[in-house]
């Protein structure tokens, strides 16, 4: 997602990181504030490449 571009967009996998200790998913927004999502009860083995639909 790039706020400097017009139109509908989606995150790329390179913009997502998961912190298993804090159970948070961070999405890096280019040109804007980052998005932090708390994922409560995430099972061991969670992987952004397998468990997140982009």
PDB file of N, CA and C in Angstrom:
ATOM      1  N   UNK A   1       0.851  -1.170   0.000  1.00  0.00           N
ATOM      2  CA  UNK A   1       0.000   0.000   0.000  1.00  0.00           C
ATOM      3  C   UNK A   1       0.897   1.233   0.000  1.00  0.00           C
ATOM      4  N   UNK A   2       0.576   2.161  -0.872  1.00  0.00           N
ATOM      5  CA  UNK A   2       1.373   3.372  -1.033  1.00  0.00           C
ATOM      6  C   UNK A   2       0.420   4.563  -1.084  1.00  0.00           C
ATOM      7  N   UNK A   3       0.406   5.381  -0.046  1.00  0.00           N
ATOM      8  CA  UNK A   3      -0.517   6.509   0.018  1.00  0.00           C
ATOM      9  C   UNK A   3      -0.223   7.593  -1.005  1.00  0.00           C
ATOM     10  N   UNK A   4       0.938   7.508  -1.660  1.00  0.00           N
ATOM     11  CA  UNK A   4       1.252   8.513  -2.679  1.00  0.00           C
ATOM     12  C   UNK A   4       0.631   8.162  -4.033  1.00  0.00           C
ATOM     13  N   UNK A   5       0.009   6.974  -4.146  1.00  0.00           N
ATOM     14  CA  UNK A   5      -0.632   6.544  -5.386  1.00  0.00           C
ATOM     15  C   UNK A   5      -2.146   6.542  -5.216  1.00  0.00           C
ATOM     16  N   UNK A   6      -2.857   6.932  -6.260  1.00  0.00           N
ATOM     17  CA  UNK A   6      -4.326   6.946  -6.210  1.00  0.00           C
ATOM     18  C   UNK A   6      -4.891   5.563  -6.505  1.00  0.00           C
ATOM     19  N   UNK A   7      -6.114   5.308  -6.022  1.00  0.00           N
ATOM     20  CA  UNK A   7      -6.821   4.081  -6.370  1.00  0.00           C
ATOM     21  C   UNK A   7      -6.745   3.010  -5.299  1.00  0.00           C
ATOM     22  N   UNK A   8      -7.458   1.895  -5.542  1.00  0.00           N
ATOM     23  CA  UNK A   8      -7.471   0.760  -4.620  1.00  0.00           C
ATOM     24  C   UNK A   8      -6.133   0.048  -4.644  1.00  0.00           C
ATOM     25  N   UNK A   9      -5.693  -0.430  -3.474  1.00  0.00           N
ATOM     26  CA  UNK A   9      -4.405  -1.097  -3.357  1.00  0.00           C
ATOM     27  C   UNK A   9      -4.485  -2.210  -2.327  1.00  0.00           C
ATOM     28  N   UNK A  10      -3.476  -3.035  -2.311  1.00  0.00           N
ATOM     29  CA  UNK A  10      -3.341  -4.079  -1.302  1.00  0.00           C
ATOM     30  C   UNK A  10      -1.901  -4.055  -0.795  1.00  0.00           C
ATOM     31  N   UNK A  11      -1.692  -4.622   0.397  1.00  0.00           N
ATOM     32  CA  UNK A  11      -0.339  -4.737   0.924  1.00  0.00           C
ATOM     33  C   UNK A  11       0.403  -5.830   0.162  1.00  0.00           C
ATOM     34  N   UNK A  12       1.705  -5.671   0.045  1.00  0.00           N
ATOM     35  CA  UNK A  12       2.536  -6.753  -0.476  1.00  0.00           C
ATOM     36  C   UNK A  12       3.096  -7.514   0.720  1.00  0.00           C
ATOM     37  N   UNK A  13       3.493  -8.748   0.515  1.00  0.00           N
ATOM     38  CA  UNK A  13       4.011  -9.565   1.609  1.00  0.00           C
ATOM     39  C   UNK A  13       5.244  -8.926   2.249  1.00  0.00           C
ATOM     40  N   UNK A  14       6.040  -8.203   1.457  1.00  0.00           N
ATOM     41  CA  UNK A  14       7.246  -7.554   1.973  1.00  0.00           C
ATOM     42  C   UNK A  14       6.919  -6.442   2.969  1.00  0.00           C
ATOM     43  N   UNK A  15       5.669  -5.944   2.971  1.00  0.00           N
ATOM     44  CA  UNK A  15       5.270  -4.875   3.880  1.00  0.00           C
ATOM     45  C   UNK A  15       4.721  -5.388   5.208  1.00  0.00           C
ATOM     46  N   UNK A  16       4.607  -6.723   5.372  1.00  0.00           N
ATOM     47  CA  UNK A  16       4.019  -7.300   6.578  1.00  0.00           C
ATOM     48  C   UNK A  16       5.064  -7.990   7.437  1.00  0.00           C
ATOM     49  N   UNK A  17       4.999  -7.753   8.740  1.00  0.00           N
ATOM     50  CA  UNK A  17       5.842  -8.474   9.692  1.00  0.00           C
ATOM     51  C   UNK A  17       4.984  -8.912  10.867  1.00  0.00           C
ATOM     52  N   UNK A  18       5.303 -10.088  11.431  1.00  0.00           N
ATOM     53  CA  UNK A  18       4.566 -10.631  12.559  1.00  0.00           C
ATOM     54  C   UNK A  18       5.490 -10.786  13.749  1.00  0.00           C
ATOM     55  N   UNK A  19       5.069 -10.272  14.899  1.00  0.00           N
ATOM     56  CA  UNK A  19       5.812 -10.416  16.148  1.00  0.00           C
ATOM     57  C   UNK A  19       5.082 -11.464  16.977  1.00  0.00           C
ATOM     58  N   UNK A  20       5.642 -12.672  17.052  1.00  0.00           N
ATOM     59  CA  UNK A  20       4.958 -13.763  17.744  1.00  0.00           C
ATOM     60  C   UNK A  20       4.881 -13.547  19.255  1.00  0.00           C
ATOM     61  N   UNK A  21       5.862 -12.863  19.831  1.00  0.00           N
ATOM     62  CA  UNK A  21       5.835 -12.596  21.274  1.00  0.00           C
ATOM     63  C   UNK A  21       4.705 -11.669  21.666  1.00  0.00           C
ATOM     64  N   UNK A  22       4.467 -10.656  20.860  1.00  0.00           N
ATOM     65  CA  UNK A  22       3.410  -9.677  21.133  1.00  0.00           C
ATOM     66  C   UNK A  22       2.114 -10.005  20.403  1.00  0.00           C
ATOM     67  N   UNK A  23       2.138 -11.037  19.542  1.00  0.00           N
ATOM     68  CA  UNK A  23       0.991 -11.423  18.723  1.00  0.00           C
ATOM     69  C   UNK A  23       0.438 -10.231  17.935  1.00  0.00           C
ATOM     70  N   UNK A  24       1.348  -9.500  17.268  1.00  0.00           N
ATOM     71  CA  UNK A  24       0.944  -8.334  16.481  1.00  0.00           C
ATOM     72  C   UNK A  24       1.420  -8.472  15.041  1.00  0.00           C
ATOM     73  N   UNK A  25       0.604  -7.985  14.136  1.00  0.00           N
ATOM     74  CA  UNK A  25       0.925  -7.944  12.720  1.00  0.00           C
ATOM     75  C   UNK A  25       1.115  -6.483  12.342  1.00  0.00           C
ATOM     76  N   UNK A  26       2.278  -6.144  11.803  1.00  0.00           N
ATOM     77  CA  UNK A  26       2.593  -4.773  11.429  1.00  0.00           C
ATOM     78  C   UNK A  26       2.613  -4.668   9.913  1.00  0.00           C
ATOM     79  N   UNK A  27       1.864  -3.713   9.386  1.00  0.00           N
ATOM     80  CA  UNK A  27       1.844  -3.444   7.954  1.00  0.00           C
ATOM     81  C   UNK A  27       2.470  -2.077   7.719  1.00  0.00           C
ATOM     82  N   UNK A  28       3.507  -2.043   6.897  1.00  0.00           N
ATOM     83  CA  UNK A  28       4.229  -0.815   6.582  1.00  0.00           C
ATOM     84  C   UNK A  28       3.511  -0.097   5.446  1.00  0.00           C
ATOM     85  N   UNK A  29       2.983   1.091   5.727  1.00  0.00           N
ATOM     86  CA  UNK A  29       2.284   1.890   4.723  1.00  0.00           C
ATOM     87  C   UNK A  29       3.258   2.942   4.194  1.00  0.00           C
ATOM     88  N   UNK A  30       3.544   2.887   2.906  1.00  0.00           N
ATOM     89  CA  UNK A  30       4.474   3.838   2.293  1.00  0.00           C
ATOM     90  C   UNK A  30       3.800   5.206   2.202  1.00  0.00           C
ATOM     91  N   UNK A  31       4.447   6.224   2.759  1.00  0.00           N
ATOM     92  CA  UNK A  31       3.912   7.573   2.701  1.00  0.00           C
ATOM     93  C   UNK A  31       2.865   7.869   3.758  1.00  0.00           C
ATOM     94  N   UNK A  32       2.697   6.987   4.720  1.00  0.00           N
ATOM     95  CA  UNK A  32       1.688   7.206   5.763  1.00  0.00           C
ATOM     96  C   UNK A  32       2.049   6.483   7.035  1.00  0.00           C
ATOM     97  N   UNK A  33       1.141   6.495   7.993  1.00  0.00           N
ATOM     98  CA  UNK A  33       1.360   5.835   9.276  1.00  0.00           C
ATOM     99  C   UNK A  33       1.244   4.320   9.103  1.00  0.00           C
ATOM    100  N   UNK A  34       1.998   3.584   9.884  1.00  0.00           N
ATOM    101  CA  UNK A  34       1.929   2.130   9.842  1.00  0.00           C
ATOM    102  C   UNK A  34       0.650   1.634  10.506  1.00  0.00           C
ATOM    103  N   UNK A  35       0.259   0.421  10.151  1.00  0.00           N
ATOM    104  CA  UNK A  35      -0.935  -0.212  10.688  1.00  0.00           C
ATOM    105  C   UNK A  35      -0.508  -1.376  11.567  1.00  0.00           C
ATOM    106  N   UNK A  36      -0.950  -1.396  12.819  1.00  0.00           N
ATOM    107  CA  UNK A  36      -0.613  -2.449  13.770  1.00  0.00           C
ATOM    108  C   UNK A  36      -1.895  -3.146  14.190  1.00  0.00           C
ATOM    109  N   UNK A  37      -1.944  -4.475  14.002  1.00  0.00           N
ATOM    110  CA  UNK A  37      -3.125  -5.261  14.331  1.00  0.00           C
ATOM    111  C   UNK A  37      -2.751  -6.281  15.387  1.00  0.00           C
ATOM    112  N   UNK A  38      -3.514  -6.327  16.469  1.00  0.00           N
ATOM    113  CA  UNK A  38      -3.298  -7.316  17.523  1.00  0.00           C
ATOM    114  C   UNK A  38      -4.064  -8.581  17.169  1.00  0.00           C
ATOM    115  N   UNK A  39      -3.357  -9.703  17.109  1.00  0.00           N
ATOM    116  CA  UNK A  39      -3.963 -10.993  16.781  1.00  0.00           C
ATOM    117  C   UNK A  39      -3.994 -11.847  18.042  1.00  0.00           C
ATOM    118  N   UNK A  40      -5.105 -11.866  18.729  1.00  0.00           N
ATOM    119  CA  UNK A  40      -5.234 -12.590  19.985  1.00  0.00           C
ATOM    120  C   UNK A  40      -5.445 -14.078  19.744  1.00  0.00           C
ATOM    121  N   UNK A  41      -4.676 -14.910  20.449  1.00  0.00           N
ATOM    122  CA  UNK A  41      -4.848 -16.353  20.360  1.00  0.00           C
ATOM    123  C   UNK A  41      -4.264 -16.993  19.122  1.00  0.00           C
ATOM    124  N   UNK A  42      -3.245 -16.385  18.541  1.00  0.00           N
ATOM    125  CA  UNK A  42      -2.618 -16.941  17.335  1.00  0.00           C
ATOM    126  C   UNK A  42      -1.910 -18.243  17.695  1.00  0.00           C
ATOM    127  N   UNK A  43      -2.122 -19.259  16.877  1.00  0.00           N
ATOM    128  CA  UNK A  43      -1.505 -20.564  17.108  1.00  0.00           C
ATOM    129  C   UNK A  43      -0.032 -20.549  16.700  1.00  0.00           C
ATOM    130  N   UNK A  44       0.752 -21.435  17.315  1.00  0.00           N
ATOM    131  CA  UNK A  44       2.159 -21.579  16.943  1.00  0.00           C
ATOM    132  C   UNK A  44       2.228 -21.975  15.467  1.00  0.00           C
ATOM    133  N   UNK A  45       3.196 -21.468  14.772  1.00  0.00           N
ATOM    134  CA  UNK A  45       3.348 -21.785  13.359  1.00  0.00           C
ATOM    135  C   UNK A  45       2.674 -20.799  12.432  1.00  0.00           C
ATOM    136  N   UNK A  46       2.098 -19.719  12.984  1.00  0.00           N
ATOM    137  CA  UNK A  46       1.485 -18.692  12.145  1.00  0.00           C
ATOM    138  C   UNK A  46       2.550 -18.097  11.229  1.00  0.00           C
ATOM    139  N   UNK A  47       2.252 -17.990   9.948  1.00  0.00           N
ATOM    140  CA  UNK A  47       3.192 -17.426   8.982  1.00  0.00           C
ATOM    141  C   UNK A  47       2.446 -16.481   8.052  1.00  0.00           C
ATOM    142  N   UNK A  48       2.974 -15.285   7.874  1.00  0.00           N
ATOM    143  CA  UNK A  48       2.303 -14.317   7.000  1.00  0.00           C
ATOM    144  C   UNK A  48       2.188 -14.842   5.575  1.00  0.00           C
ATOM    145  N   UNK A  49       3.172 -15.615   5.128  1.00  0.00           N
ATOM    146  CA  UNK A  49       3.141 -16.117   3.755  1.00  0.00           C
ATOM    147  C   UNK A  49       2.064 -17.177   3.540  1.00  0.00           C
ATOM    148  N   UNK A  50       1.622 -17.827   4.614  1.00  0.00           N
ATOM    149  CA  UNK A  50       0.604 -18.881   4.493  1.00  0.00           C
ATOM    150  C   UNK A  50      -0.755 -18.482   5.047  1.00  0.00           C
ATOM    151  N   UNK A  51      -0.781 -17.645   6.071  1.00  0.00           N
ATOM    152  CA  UNK A  51      -2.008 -17.377   6.811  1.00  0.00           C
ATOM    153  C   UNK A  51      -2.635 -16.019   6.566  1.00  0.00           C
ATOM    154  N   UNK A  52      -2.033 -15.208   5.698  1.00  0.00           N
ATOM    155  CA  UNK A  52      -2.583 -13.880   5.391  1.00  0.00           C
ATOM    156  C   UNK A  52      -2.928 -13.841   3.916  1.00  0.00           C
ATOM    157  N   UNK A  53      -4.177 -13.487   3.606  1.00  0.00           N
ATOM    158  CA  UNK A  53      -4.620 -13.351   2.222  1.00  0.00           C
ATOM    159  C   UNK A  53      -4.395 -11.910   1.788  1.00  0.00           C
ATOM    160  N   UNK A  54      -3.596 -11.718   0.764  1.00  0.00           N
ATOM    161  CA  UNK A  54      -3.309 -10.364   0.279  1.00  0.00           C
ATOM    162  C   UNK A  54      -4.137 -10.032  -0.910  1.00  0.00           C
TER     163      UNK A  54
END
